[in-house]
């Protein structure tokens, strides 16, 4: 059975891009080459539902050929998040901010290439707030200047700053940016390049609560193989130390998409396991990390936790080697 599962789950990472995000192909490692500057007029904004192609089928666990498999007794079986979060389109790249807001990436269809997502008026970052009866209707987070195009993703929020990566008009390739704001309103964006280590390309990232340590993924040649997790520490002057490989968690497989709990005691990340993305967790042991524990396997990745310790992640629906859809899943923390 395990050998068969490995064969069937082989289609997972794209050669260029996040690999976990079918729509967000340009955002994974920011190493896909320069992009031509864009001058096409910005399309009018449309709703998520209206942008989903006619005839699109909402996938459910009942017709999921490769459902996620839970390996931890700390969590209940994972289930899709209810509407209005999930749709028949692709919801991906979840992040729960310290204030409880839920950020994610949306694009209408896995069949739409990234270069066309830029012009659809709906692909990008969304935010939802918790309400009395569940999540409020998600709203798009617009971070580009009026009248210009942008394709934003990779959300990380700490305090009054939002970090995100973007392919946008007036910039070559994919770059990291930071926006300022409060109470869910974001603006005043600027390049984050001066704020990041300069010795390596920085893929998806996570800062510790004090902002002084950065974890990120990168495929630099001195790692264990493929994408690895790396870290850098900032001194009192704001200068970063040379990036260090997090050797305790890295293997010849791809590791990336880190998440740290606010107390800094748990490091969550995605690893390619048995041919598809799986979610792992390591515990802090002094100045090192424990051997990683498999929490959820099979097309599950990009973990994030809320303040109660509930686990959220993206799950991709595959059939016959083709990704059909992506939903955001919840595995509730057991008491």
C-alpha atoms as a PDB file:
ATOM      1  CA  UNK A   1       0.000   0.000   0.000  1.00  0.00           C
ATOM      2  CA  UNK A   2       2.751   2.454   0.882  1.00  0.00           C
ATOM      3  CA  UNK A   3       4.569   1.844  -2.383  1.00  0.00           C
ATOM      4  CA  UNK A   4       1.348   2.388  -4.331  1.00  0.00           C
ATOM      5  CA  UNK A   5       0.644   5.614  -2.456  1.00  0.00           C
ATOM      6  CA  UNK A   6       4.116   6.875  -3.221  1.00  0.00           C
ATOM      7  CA  UNK A   7       3.589   6.238  -6.919  1.00  0.00           C
ATOM      8  CA  UNK A   8       0.175   7.871  -7.037  1.00  0.00           C
ATOM      9  CA  UNK A   9       1.179  10.966  -5.077  1.00  0.00           C
ATOM     10  CA  UNK A  10       4.269  11.728  -7.125  1.00  0.00           C
ATOM     11  CA  UNK A  11       2.891  14.920  -8.806  1.00  0.00           C
ATOM     12  CA  UNK A  12       3.534  17.509  -6.123  1.00  0.00           C
ATOM     13  CA  UNK A  13       6.146  20.240  -6.459  1.00  0.00           C
ATOM     14  CA  UNK A  14       6.338  22.416  -9.521  1.00  0.00           C
ATOM     15  CA  UNK A  15       9.821  22.949 -10.900  1.00  0.00           C
ATOM     16  CA  UNK A  16       9.624  26.682 -10.342  1.00  0.00           C
ATOM     17  CA  UNK A  17       7.474  28.264  -7.655  1.00  0.00           C
ATOM     18  CA  UNK A  18       6.000  27.315  -4.328  1.00  0.00           C
ATOM     19  CA  UNK A  19       5.025  23.791  -5.313  1.00  0.00           C
ATOM     20  CA  UNK A  20       2.244  23.903  -2.729  1.00  0.00           C
ATOM     21  CA  UNK A  21       0.384  26.631  -4.560  1.00  0.00           C
ATOM     22  CA  UNK A  22      -0.871  25.741  -8.001  1.00  0.00           C
ATOM     23  CA  UNK A  23      -1.964  29.282  -8.689  1.00  0.00           C
ATOM     24  CA  UNK A  24       0.861  31.093  -6.924  1.00  0.00           C
ATOM     25  CA  UNK A  25       3.505  29.592  -9.190  1.00  0.00           C
ATOM     26  CA  UNK A  26       5.804  32.583  -9.032  1.00  0.00           C
ATOM     27  CA  UNK A  27       6.108  32.880  -5.266  1.00  0.00           C
ATOM     28  CA  UNK A  28       7.800  29.815  -3.796  1.00  0.00           C
ATOM     29  CA  UNK A  29      11.519  30.517  -3.869  1.00  0.00           C
ATOM     30  CA  UNK A  30      11.676  33.756  -5.823  1.00  0.00           C
ATOM     31  CA  UNK A  31      14.228  32.271  -8.184  1.00  0.00           C
ATOM     32  CA  UNK A  32      12.287  31.972 -11.422  1.00  0.00           C
ATOM     33  CA  UNK A  33      14.019  34.742 -13.297  1.00  0.00           C
ATOM     34  CA  UNK A  34      13.176  38.337 -14.154  1.00  0.00           C
ATOM     35  CA  UNK A  35       9.777  39.402 -15.403  1.00  0.00           C
ATOM     36  CA  UNK A  36       8.929  41.929 -18.075  1.00  0.00           C
ATOM     37  CA  UNK A  37       7.531  45.145 -16.667  1.00  0.00           C
ATOM     38  CA  UNK A  38       3.761  45.293 -17.041  1.00  0.00           C
ATOM     39  CA  UNK A  39       1.823  48.155 -18.580  1.00  0.00           C
ATOM     40  CA  UNK A  40      -1.587  46.537 -19.171  1.00  0.00           C
ATOM     41  CA  UNK A  41      -4.496  48.392 -17.512  1.00  0.00           C
ATOM     42  CA  UNK A  42      -5.697  46.976 -14.201  1.00  0.00           C
ATOM     43  CA  UNK A  43      -8.970  45.012 -14.505  1.00  0.00           C
ATOM     44  CA  UNK A  44     -12.030  45.932 -12.496  1.00  0.00           C
ATOM     45  CA  UNK A  45     -12.338  44.156  -9.160  1.00  0.00           C
ATOM     46  CA  UNK A  46     -14.641  41.125  -9.138  1.00  0.00           C
ATOM     47  CA  UNK A  47     -15.844  38.780  -6.409  1.00  0.00           C
ATOM     48  CA  UNK A  48     -14.186  35.433  -5.752  1.00  0.00           C
ATOM     49  CA  UNK A  49     -17.338  33.486  -6.565  1.00  0.00           C
ATOM     50  CA  UNK A  50     -18.000  35.273  -9.861  1.00  0.00           C
ATOM     51  CA  UNK A  51     -14.427  34.627 -11.028  1.00  0.00           C
ATOM     52  CA  UNK A  52     -14.621  30.842 -10.578  1.00  0.00           C
ATOM     53  CA  UNK A  53     -15.113  29.200 -14.003  1.00  0.00           C
ATOM     54  CA  UNK A  54     -18.646  28.007 -14.794  1.00  0.00           C
ATOM     55  CA  UNK A  55     -19.071  24.320 -14.108  1.00  0.00           C
ATOM     56  CA  UNK A  56     -16.322  24.195 -11.481  1.00  0.00           C
ATOM     57  CA  UNK A  57     -17.059  21.430  -8.962  1.00  0.00           C
ATOM     58  CA  UNK A  58     -16.582  22.004  -5.240  1.00  0.00           C
ATOM     59  CA  UNK A  59     -14.450  19.100  -4.017  1.00  0.00           C
ATOM     60  CA  UNK A  60     -15.249  17.455  -0.683  1.00  0.00           C
ATOM     61  CA  UNK A  61     -13.694  14.718   1.465  1.00  0.00           C
ATOM     62  CA  UNK A  62     -16.250  12.302  -0.006  1.00  0.00           C
ATOM     63  CA  UNK A  63     -14.638  12.489  -3.459  1.00  0.00           C
ATOM     64  CA  UNK A  64     -11.041  13.036  -2.321  1.00  0.00           C
ATOM     65  CA  UNK A  65      -8.803  10.303  -3.741  1.00  0.00           C
ATOM     66  CA  UNK A  66      -5.875  11.246  -1.462  1.00  0.00           C
ATOM     67  CA  UNK A  67      -7.276  12.696   1.782  1.00  0.00           C
ATOM     68  CA  UNK A  68      -4.835  14.010   4.406  1.00  0.00           C
ATOM     69  CA  UNK A  69      -3.676  11.441   6.976  1.00  0.00           C
ATOM     70  CA  UNK A  70      -3.265  12.530  10.608  1.00  0.00           C
ATOM     71  CA  UNK A  71      -0.340  11.072  12.590  1.00  0.00           C
ATOM     72  CA  UNK A  72      -0.632  13.001  15.857  1.00  0.00           C
ATOM     73  CA  UNK A  73      -2.890  12.296  18.842  1.00  0.00           C
ATOM     74  CA  UNK A  74      -2.692  15.992  19.752  1.00  0.00           C
ATOM     75  CA  UNK A  75      -5.208  16.886  17.024  1.00  0.00           C
ATOM     76  CA  UNK A  76      -8.599  15.788  15.789  1.00  0.00           C
ATOM     77  CA  UNK A  77      -9.014  14.552  12.223  1.00  0.00           C
ATOM     78  CA  UNK A  78      -8.567  17.436   9.757  1.00  0.00           C
ATOM     79  CA  UNK A  79     -11.653  18.800   8.021  1.00  0.00           C
ATOM     80  CA  UNK A  80     -12.158  21.536   5.403  1.00  0.00           C
ATOM     81  CA  UNK A  81     -12.833  24.986   6.769  1.00  0.00           C
ATOM     82  CA  UNK A  82     -16.450  25.998   6.133  1.00  0.00           C
ATOM     83  CA  UNK A  83     -17.643  28.738   3.821  1.00  0.00           C
ATOM     84  CA  UNK A  84     -17.136  31.513   3.248  1.00  0.00           C
ATOM     85  CA  UNK A  85     -13.432  30.566   3.397  1.00  0.00           C
ATOM     86  CA  UNK A  86     -13.357  27.653   0.934  1.00  0.00           C
ATOM     87  CA  UNK A  87     -14.864  27.823  -2.555  1.00  0.00           C
ATOM     88  CA  UNK A  88     -14.659  25.794  -5.752  1.00  0.00           C
ATOM     89  CA  UNK A  89     -11.545  27.830  -6.550  1.00  0.00           C
ATOM     90  CA  UNK A  90      -8.130  27.513  -4.904  1.00  0.00           C
ATOM     91  CA  UNK A  91      -7.577  28.732  -1.340  1.00  0.00           C
ATOM     92  CA  UNK A  92      -3.969  28.407  -0.256  1.00  0.00           C
ATOM     93  CA  UNK A  93      -1.108  29.763   1.893  1.00  0.00           C
ATOM     94  CA  UNK A  94      -2.972  30.279   5.197  1.00  0.00           C
ATOM     95  CA  UNK A  95      -1.641  32.458   8.008  1.00  0.00           C
ATOM     96  CA  UNK A  96      -3.311  33.250  11.319  1.00  0.00           C
ATOM     97  CA  UNK A  97      -2.155  36.673  12.532  1.00  0.00           C
ATOM     98  CA  UNK A  98      -1.652  37.432  16.242  1.00  0.00           C
ATOM     99  CA  UNK A  99      -4.902  39.442  16.291  1.00  0.00           C
ATOM    100  CA  UNK A 100      -6.853  36.405  15.050  1.00  0.00           C
ATOM    101  CA  UNK A 101      -7.325  37.529  11.463  1.00  0.00           C
ATOM    102  CA  UNK A 102      -7.046  34.759   8.912  1.00  0.00           C
ATOM    103  CA  UNK A 103      -5.045  35.514   5.754  1.00  0.00           C
ATOM    104  CA  UNK A 104      -4.865  33.317   2.678  1.00  0.00           C
ATOM    105  CA  UNK A 105      -4.214  33.328  -1.063  1.00  0.00           C
ATOM    106  CA  UNK A 106      -6.985  32.782  -3.621  1.00  0.00           C
ATOM    107  CA  UNK A 107      -7.048  32.168  -7.349  1.00  0.00           C
ATOM    108  CA  UNK A 108     -10.120  30.994  -9.302  1.00  0.00           C
ATOM    109  CA  UNK A 109      -8.752  27.867 -10.998  1.00  0.00           C
ATOM    110  CA  UNK A 110      -5.753  25.547 -11.033  1.00  0.00           C
ATOM    111  CA  UNK A 111      -5.887  25.678 -14.831  1.00  0.00           C
ATOM    112  CA  UNK A 112      -5.103  29.407 -14.987  1.00  0.00           C
ATOM    113  CA  UNK A 113      -1.357  30.151 -15.365  1.00  0.00           C
ATOM    114  CA  UNK A 114       0.250  32.740 -13.125  1.00  0.00           C
ATOM    115  CA  UNK A 115       0.766  35.227 -15.944  1.00  0.00           C
ATOM    116  CA  UNK A 116      -3.008  35.339 -16.471  1.00  0.00           C
ATOM    117  CA  UNK A 117      -3.827  35.549 -12.748  1.00  0.00           C
ATOM    118  CA  UNK A 118      -2.179  38.941 -12.783  1.00  0.00           C
ATOM    119  CA  UNK A 119      -4.993  40.311 -14.933  1.00  0.00           C
ATOM    120  CA  UNK A 120      -8.079  38.613 -13.480  1.00  0.00           C
ATOM    121  CA  UNK A 121      -8.877  41.249 -10.846  1.00  0.00           C
ATOM    122  CA  UNK A 122      -9.382  38.681  -8.090  1.00  0.00           C
ATOM    123  CA  UNK A 123      -6.219  36.603  -7.513  1.00  0.00           C
ATOM    124  CA  UNK A 124      -4.284  37.673  -4.430  1.00  0.00           C
ATOM    125  CA  UNK A 125      -4.341  37.947  -0.642  1.00  0.00           C
ATOM    126  CA  UNK A 126      -7.586  37.808   1.338  1.00  0.00           C
ATOM    127  CA  UNK A 127      -8.351  38.402   4.997  1.00  0.00           C
ATOM    128  CA  UNK A 128     -11.212  37.107   7.149  1.00  0.00           C
ATOM    129  CA  UNK A 129     -12.137  38.017  10.722  1.00  0.00           C
ATOM    130  CA  UNK A 130     -13.865  35.706  13.200  1.00  0.00           C
ATOM    131  CA  UNK A 131     -17.542  36.465  13.850  1.00  0.00           C
ATOM    132  CA  UNK A 132     -20.228  35.211  16.212  1.00  0.00           C
ATOM    133  CA  UNK A 133     -21.275  32.446  13.814  1.00  0.00           C
ATOM    134  CA  UNK A 134     -17.975  31.648  12.133  1.00  0.00           C
ATOM    135  CA  UNK A 135     -15.769  33.605   9.753  1.00  0.00           C
ATOM    136  CA  UNK A 136     -16.902  36.849   8.178  1.00  0.00           C
ATOM    137  CA  UNK A 137     -16.821  37.136   4.385  1.00  0.00           C
ATOM    138  CA  UNK A 138     -13.148  37.399   3.286  1.00  0.00           C
ATOM    139  CA  UNK A 139     -12.007  40.722   1.868  1.00  0.00           C
ATOM    140  CA  UNK A 140      -9.186  41.238  -0.591  1.00  0.00           C
ATOM    141  CA  UNK A 141      -6.065  42.941   0.742  1.00  0.00           C
ATOM    142  CA  UNK A 142      -4.952  45.432  -1.907  1.00  0.00           C
ATOM    143  CA  UNK A 143      -1.346  46.521  -1.517  1.00  0.00           C
ATOM    144  CA  UNK A 144      -0.413  47.947  -4.914  1.00  0.00           C
ATOM    145  CA  UNK A 145      -0.702  51.589  -5.959  1.00  0.00           C
ATOM    146  CA  UNK A 146      -3.961  52.530  -7.666  1.00  0.00           C
ATOM    147  CA  UNK A 147      -3.965  51.809 -11.395  1.00  0.00           C
ATOM    148  CA  UNK A 148      -1.065  49.336 -11.293  1.00  0.00           C
ATOM    149  CA  UNK A 149      -0.955  45.546 -11.399  1.00  0.00           C
ATOM    150  CA  UNK A 150       0.310  43.222  -8.680  1.00  0.00           C
ATOM    151  CA  UNK A 151       0.165  39.533  -7.823  1.00  0.00           C
ATOM    152  CA  UNK A 152       0.684  39.256  -4.061  1.00  0.00           C
ATOM    153  CA  UNK A 153       1.080  36.283  -1.713  1.00  0.00           C
ATOM    154  CA  UNK A 154       3.245  34.695   1.029  1.00  0.00           C
ATOM    155  CA  UNK A 155       1.597  36.626   3.859  1.00  0.00           C
ATOM    156  CA  UNK A 156       3.297  36.979   7.249  1.00  0.00           C
ATOM    157  CA  UNK A 157       2.057  39.485   9.844  1.00  0.00           C
ATOM    158  CA  UNK A 158       3.899  40.630  12.941  1.00  0.00           C
ATOM    159  CA  UNK A 159       2.678  43.632  14.921  1.00  0.00           C
ATOM    160  CA  UNK A 160       2.000  46.552  12.608  1.00  0.00           C
ATOM    161  CA  UNK A 161       3.857  45.044   9.638  1.00  0.00           C
ATOM    162  CA  UNK A 162       2.764  42.690   6.889  1.00  0.00           C
ATOM    163  CA  UNK A 163       5.460  40.920   4.880  1.00  0.00           C
ATOM    164  CA  UNK A 164       4.489  39.632   1.455  1.00  0.00           C
ATOM    165  CA  UNK A 165       6.075  38.656  -1.844  1.00  0.00           C
ATOM    166  CA  UNK A 166       4.864  40.027  -5.134  1.00  0.00           C
ATOM    167  CA  UNK A 167       5.282  40.242  -8.883  1.00  0.00           C
ATOM    168  CA  UNK A 168       4.269  43.805  -9.646  1.00  0.00           C
ATOM    169  CA  UNK A 169       4.352  46.545 -12.191  1.00  0.00           C
ATOM    170  CA  UNK A 170       7.547  48.580 -12.083  1.00  0.00           C
ATOM    171  CA  UNK A 171       9.623  45.771 -10.514  1.00  0.00           C
ATOM    172  CA  UNK A 172      11.596  42.953 -12.131  1.00  0.00           C
ATOM    173  CA  UNK A 173      10.962  39.406 -10.975  1.00  0.00           C
ATOM    174  CA  UNK A 174       9.490  38.497  -7.604  1.00  0.00           C
ATOM    175  CA  UNK A 175      10.411  40.567  -4.574  1.00  0.00           C
ATOM    176  CA  UNK A 176       9.658  40.792  -0.857  1.00  0.00           C
ATOM    177  CA  UNK A 177       7.756  43.843   0.377  1.00  0.00           C
ATOM    178  CA  UNK A 178       6.545  45.088   3.733  1.00  0.00           C
ATOM    179  CA  UNK A 179       3.396  47.105   4.414  1.00  0.00           C
ATOM    180  CA  UNK A 180       2.472  49.076   7.529  1.00  0.00           C
ATOM    181  CA  UNK A 181      -0.919  49.263   9.153  1.00  0.00           C
ATOM    182  CA  UNK A 182      -3.176  48.368  12.036  1.00  0.00           C
ATOM    183  CA  UNK A 183      -6.554  46.757  12.687  1.00  0.00           C
ATOM    184  CA  UNK A 184      -6.374  44.873   9.387  1.00  0.00           C
ATOM    185  CA  UNK A 185      -5.825  47.960   7.199  1.00  0.00           C
ATOM    186  CA  UNK A 186      -2.544  47.896   5.262  1.00  0.00           C
ATOM    187  CA  UNK A 187      -0.682  50.416   3.130  1.00  0.00           C
ATOM    188  CA  UNK A 188       2.542  52.394   2.832  1.00  0.00           C
ATOM    189  CA  UNK A 189       4.273  49.408   1.234  1.00  0.00           C
ATOM    190  CA  UNK A 190       7.973  49.417   0.443  1.00  0.00           C
ATOM    191  CA  UNK A 191      10.699  47.029  -0.610  1.00  0.00           C
ATOM    192  CA  UNK A 192      11.770  44.672   2.176  1.00  0.00           C
ATOM    193  CA  UNK A 193      15.183  43.989   0.614  1.00  0.00           C
ATOM    194  CA  UNK A 194      17.075  46.330   2.994  1.00  0.00           C
ATOM    195  CA  UNK A 195      15.459  44.524   5.948  1.00  0.00           C
ATOM    196  CA  UNK A 196      16.474  40.977   4.965  1.00  0.00           C
ATOM    197  CA  UNK A 197      19.787  39.071   4.936  1.00  0.00           C
ATOM    198  CA  UNK A 198      21.785  39.845   1.828  1.00  0.00           C
ATOM    199  CA  UNK A 199      23.802  36.612   1.623  1.00  0.00           C
ATOM    200  CA  UNK A 200      21.033  34.427   0.152  1.00  0.00           C
ATOM    201  CA  UNK A 201      17.709  34.534  -1.620  1.00  0.00           C
ATOM    202  CA  UNK A 202      14.938  34.359   0.962  1.00  0.00           C
ATOM    203  CA  UNK A 203      11.936  32.148   0.260  1.00  0.00           C
ATOM    204  CA  UNK A 204       8.836  32.006   2.454  1.00  0.00           C
ATOM    205  CA  UNK A 205       9.695  33.306   5.899  1.00  0.00           C
ATOM    206  CA  UNK A 206       8.728  33.607   9.559  1.00  0.00           C
ATOM    207  CA  UNK A 207      10.154  35.901  12.248  1.00  0.00           C
ATOM    208  CA  UNK A 208      10.308  35.058  15.929  1.00  0.00           C
ATOM    209  CA  UNK A 209       8.009  37.125  18.156  1.00  0.00           C
ATOM    210  CA  UNK A 210      10.776  39.595  19.027  1.00  0.00           C
ATOM    211  CA  UNK A 211      11.653  40.034  15.356  1.00  0.00           C
ATOM    212  CA  UNK A 212      15.326  39.255  15.939  1.00  0.00           C
ATOM    213  CA  UNK A 213      15.508  35.796  14.372  1.00  0.00           C
ATOM    214  CA  UNK A 214      14.384  34.928  10.858  1.00  0.00           C
ATOM    215  CA  UNK A 215      13.547  31.456   9.559  1.00  0.00           C
ATOM    216  CA  UNK A 216      13.119  30.952   5.824  1.00  0.00           C
ATOM    217  CA  UNK A 217      13.585  28.418   3.052  1.00  0.00           C
ATOM    218  CA  UNK A 218      16.172  28.559   0.301  1.00  0.00           C
ATOM    219  CA  UNK A 219      17.806  26.153  -2.152  1.00  0.00           C
ATOM    220  CA  UNK A 220      21.376  27.360  -1.749  1.00  0.00           C
ATOM    221  CA  UNK A 221      23.932  24.706  -2.710  1.00  0.00           C
ATOM    222  CA  UNK A 222      25.488  24.336   0.762  1.00  0.00           C
ATOM    223  CA  UNK A 223      22.323  22.850   2.243  1.00  0.00           C
ATOM    224  CA  UNK A 224      21.322  19.224   2.799  1.00  0.00           C
ATOM    225  CA  UNK A 225      19.600  19.049  -0.581  1.00  0.00           C
ATOM    226  CA  UNK A 226      16.811  20.814  -2.455  1.00  0.00           C
ATOM    227  CA  UNK A 227      15.058  23.459  -0.401  1.00  0.00           C
ATOM    228  CA  UNK A 228      16.228  23.706   3.212  1.00  0.00           C
ATOM    229  CA  UNK A 229      15.258  25.734   6.245  1.00  0.00           C
ATOM    230  CA  UNK A 230      17.746  28.430   7.225  1.00  0.00           C
ATOM    231  CA  UNK A 231      17.941  31.000   9.983  1.00  0.00           C
ATOM    232  CA  UNK A 232      19.667  34.318  10.643  1.00  0.00           C
ATOM    233  CA  UNK A 233      19.911  36.460  13.787  1.00  0.00           C
ATOM    234  CA  UNK A 234      19.794  40.253  13.860  1.00  0.00           C
ATOM    235  CA  UNK A 235      22.090  42.177  16.219  1.00  0.00           C
ATOM    236  CA  UNK A 236      21.410  45.436  18.050  1.00  0.00           C
ATOM    237  CA  UNK A 237      22.527  47.471  15.036  1.00  0.00           C
ATOM    238  CA  UNK A 238      20.018  45.705  12.778  1.00  0.00           C
ATOM    239  CA  UNK A 239      22.672  43.733  10.880  1.00  0.00           C
ATOM    240  CA  UNK A 240      21.979  40.075  10.124  1.00  0.00           C
ATOM    241  CA  UNK A 241      24.354  37.246  10.926  1.00  0.00           C
ATOM    242  CA  UNK A 242      25.354  34.924   8.082  1.00  0.00           C
ATOM    243  CA  UNK A 243      22.508  32.510   7.347  1.00  0.00           C
ATOM    244  CA  UNK A 244      22.804  29.141   9.108  1.00  0.00           C
ATOM    245  CA  UNK A 245      21.333  25.850   7.946  1.00  0.00           C
ATOM    246  CA  UNK A 246      18.847  24.392  10.459  1.00  0.00           C
ATOM    247  CA  UNK A 247      20.605  21.046  10.204  1.00  0.00           C
ATOM    248  CA  UNK A 248      18.429  19.199  12.750  1.00  0.00           C
ATOM    249  CA  UNK A 249      15.368  19.350  10.489  1.00  0.00           C
ATOM    250  CA  UNK A 250      16.780  19.337   6.965  1.00  0.00           C
ATOM    251  CA  UNK A 251      17.166  16.272   4.738  1.00  0.00           C
ATOM    252  CA  UNK A 252      17.803  15.524   1.084  1.00  0.00           C
ATOM    253  CA  UNK A 253      14.084  16.123   0.548  1.00  0.00           C
ATOM    254  CA  UNK A 254      12.582  19.619   0.248  1.00  0.00           C
ATOM    255  CA  UNK A 255      11.844  21.437   3.518  1.00  0.00           C
ATOM    256  CA  UNK A 256      10.241  24.867   3.686  1.00  0.00           C
ATOM    257  CA  UNK A 257       7.311  27.120   4.602  1.00  0.00           C
ATOM    258  CA  UNK A 258       8.257  27.560   8.278  1.00  0.00           C
ATOM    259  CA  UNK A 259       5.944  28.556  11.119  1.00  0.00           C
ATOM    260  CA  UNK A 260       7.071  29.232  14.712  1.00  0.00           C
ATOM    261  CA  UNK A 261       4.753  29.311  17.686  1.00  0.00           C
ATOM    262  CA  UNK A 262       4.745  32.680  19.497  1.00  0.00           C
ATOM    263  CA  UNK A 263       6.699  31.215  22.430  1.00  0.00           C
ATOM    264  CA  UNK A 264       9.383  29.984  20.037  1.00  0.00           C
ATOM    265  CA  UNK A 265       9.130  26.405  21.322  1.00  0.00           C
ATOM    266  CA  UNK A 266       7.768  24.733  18.201  1.00  0.00           C
ATOM    267  CA  UNK A 267       8.978  24.904  14.604  1.00  0.00           C
ATOM    268  CA  UNK A 268       6.423  23.708  12.045  1.00  0.00           C
ATOM    269  CA  UNK A 269       7.282  23.229   8.386  1.00  0.00           C
ATOM    270  CA  UNK A 270       6.509  21.362   5.162  1.00  0.00           C
ATOM    271  CA  UNK A 271       8.570  18.459   3.874  1.00  0.00           C
ATOM    272  CA  UNK A 272       8.121  16.327   0.784  1.00  0.00           C
ATOM    273  CA  UNK A 273       7.247  12.950   2.302  1.00  0.00           C
ATOM    274  CA  UNK A 274       6.332   9.800   0.343  1.00  0.00           C
ATOM    275  CA  UNK A 275       6.123  11.881  -2.824  1.00  0.00           C
ATOM    276  CA  UNK A 276       3.823  14.692  -1.652  1.00  0.00           C
ATOM    277  CA  UNK A 277       3.896  17.542   0.890  1.00  0.00           C
ATOM    278  CA  UNK A 278       3.480  16.677   4.567  1.00  0.00           C
ATOM    279  CA  UNK A 279       3.542  18.737   7.772  1.00  0.00           C
ATOM    280  CA  UNK A 280       6.221  18.224  10.429  1.00  0.00           C
ATOM    281  CA  UNK A 281       6.858  19.684  13.881  1.00  0.00           C
ATOM    282  CA  UNK A 282      10.064  20.047  15.934  1.00  0.00           C
ATOM    283  CA  UNK A 283      10.373  20.994  19.609  1.00  0.00           C
ATOM    284  CA  UNK A 284      12.903  23.438  21.027  1.00  0.00           C
ATOM    285  CA  UNK A 285      15.719  21.665  22.922  1.00  0.00           C
ATOM    286  CA  UNK A 286      17.887  24.435  24.339  1.00  0.00           C
ATOM    287  CA  UNK A 287      19.594  25.967  21.325  1.00  0.00           C
ATOM    288  CA  UNK A 288      18.640  23.105  19.001  1.00  0.00           C
ATOM    289  CA  UNK A 289      15.536  21.471  17.537  1.00  0.00           C
ATOM    290  CA  UNK A 290      14.302  17.946  18.144  1.00  0.00           C
ATOM    291  CA  UNK A 291      14.001  15.328  15.428  1.00  0.00           C
ATOM    292  CA  UNK A 292      10.934  16.328  13.365  1.00  0.00           C
ATOM    293  CA  UNK A 293       7.619  14.584  14.047  1.00  0.00           C
ATOM    294  CA  UNK A 294       5.208  13.893  11.181  1.00  0.00           C
ATOM    295  CA  UNK A 295       1.814  15.455  11.993  1.00  0.00           C
ATOM    296  CA  UNK A 296      -0.167  15.311   8.718  1.00  0.00           C
ATOM    297  CA  UNK A 297       0.820  13.719   5.433  1.00  0.00           C
ATOM    298  CA  UNK A 298      -0.453  13.594   1.847  1.00  0.00           C
ATOM    299  CA  UNK A 299      -0.872  16.856  -0.040  1.00  0.00           C
ATOM    300  CA  UNK A 300      -0.852  18.866   3.203  1.00  0.00           C
ATOM    301  CA  UNK A 301       1.386  21.883   3.733  1.00  0.00           C
ATOM    302  CA  UNK A 302       2.020  25.449   4.879  1.00  0.00           C
ATOM    303  CA  UNK A 303       1.022  25.018   8.550  1.00  0.00           C
ATOM    304  CA  UNK A 304      -0.160  27.878  10.752  1.00  0.00           C
ATOM    305  CA  UNK A 305      -1.658  27.866  14.261  1.00  0.00           C
ATOM    306  CA  UNK A 306      -4.099  30.084  16.138  1.00  0.00           C
ATOM    307  CA  UNK A 307      -3.701  31.105  19.777  1.00  0.00           C
ATOM    308  CA  UNK A 308      -5.579  27.979  20.934  1.00  0.00           C
ATOM    309  CA  UNK A 309      -3.072  25.786  19.098  1.00  0.00           C
ATOM    310  CA  UNK A 310      -5.475  24.682  16.352  1.00  0.00           C
ATOM    311  CA  UNK A 311      -3.688  23.704  13.155  1.00  0.00           C
ATOM    312  CA  UNK A 312      -4.599  25.154   9.750  1.00  0.00           C
ATOM    313  CA  UNK A 313      -3.054  24.039   6.480  1.00  0.00           C
ATOM    314  CA  UNK A 314      -3.669  23.761   2.738  1.00  0.00           C
ATOM    315  CA  UNK A 315      -4.782  20.489   1.183  1.00  0.00           C
ATOM    316  CA  UNK A 316      -4.693  19.854  -2.577  1.00  0.00           C
ATOM    317  CA  UNK A 317      -7.135  17.572  -4.343  1.00  0.00           C
ATOM    318  CA  UNK A 318      -5.375  15.434  -6.957  1.00  0.00           C
ATOM    319  CA  UNK A 319      -6.740  12.937  -9.442  1.00  0.00           C
ATOM    320  CA  UNK A 320      -4.870  11.116 -12.224  1.00  0.00           C
ATOM    321  CA  UNK A 321      -1.851  13.339 -11.706  1.00  0.00           C
ATOM    322  CA  UNK A 322      -3.806  16.595 -12.029  1.00  0.00           C
ATOM    323  CA  UNK A 323      -4.567  19.030  -9.247  1.00  0.00           C
ATOM    324  CA  UNK A 324      -8.253  19.888  -9.266  1.00  0.00           C
ATOM    325  CA  UNK A 325      -8.638  22.283  -6.357  1.00  0.00           C
ATOM    326  CA  UNK A 326      -7.159  23.424  -3.039  1.00  0.00           C
ATOM    327  CA  UNK A 327      -8.918  24.009   0.275  1.00  0.00           C
ATOM    328  CA  UNK A 328      -7.871  25.228   3.701  1.00  0.00           C
ATOM    329  CA  UNK A 329      -8.197  22.595   6.410  1.00  0.00           C
ATOM    330  CA  UNK A 330      -8.479  22.681  10.207  1.00  0.00           C
ATOM    331  CA  UNK A 331      -7.238  20.093  12.685  1.00  0.00           C
ATOM    332  CA  UNK A 332      -8.536  21.114  16.115  1.00  0.00           C
ATOM    333  CA  UNK A 333      -6.225  20.835  19.097  1.00  0.00           C
ATOM    334  CA  UNK A 334      -7.406  18.226  21.582  1.00  0.00           C
ATOM    335  CA  UNK A 335      -7.818  19.252  25.228  1.00  0.00           C
END
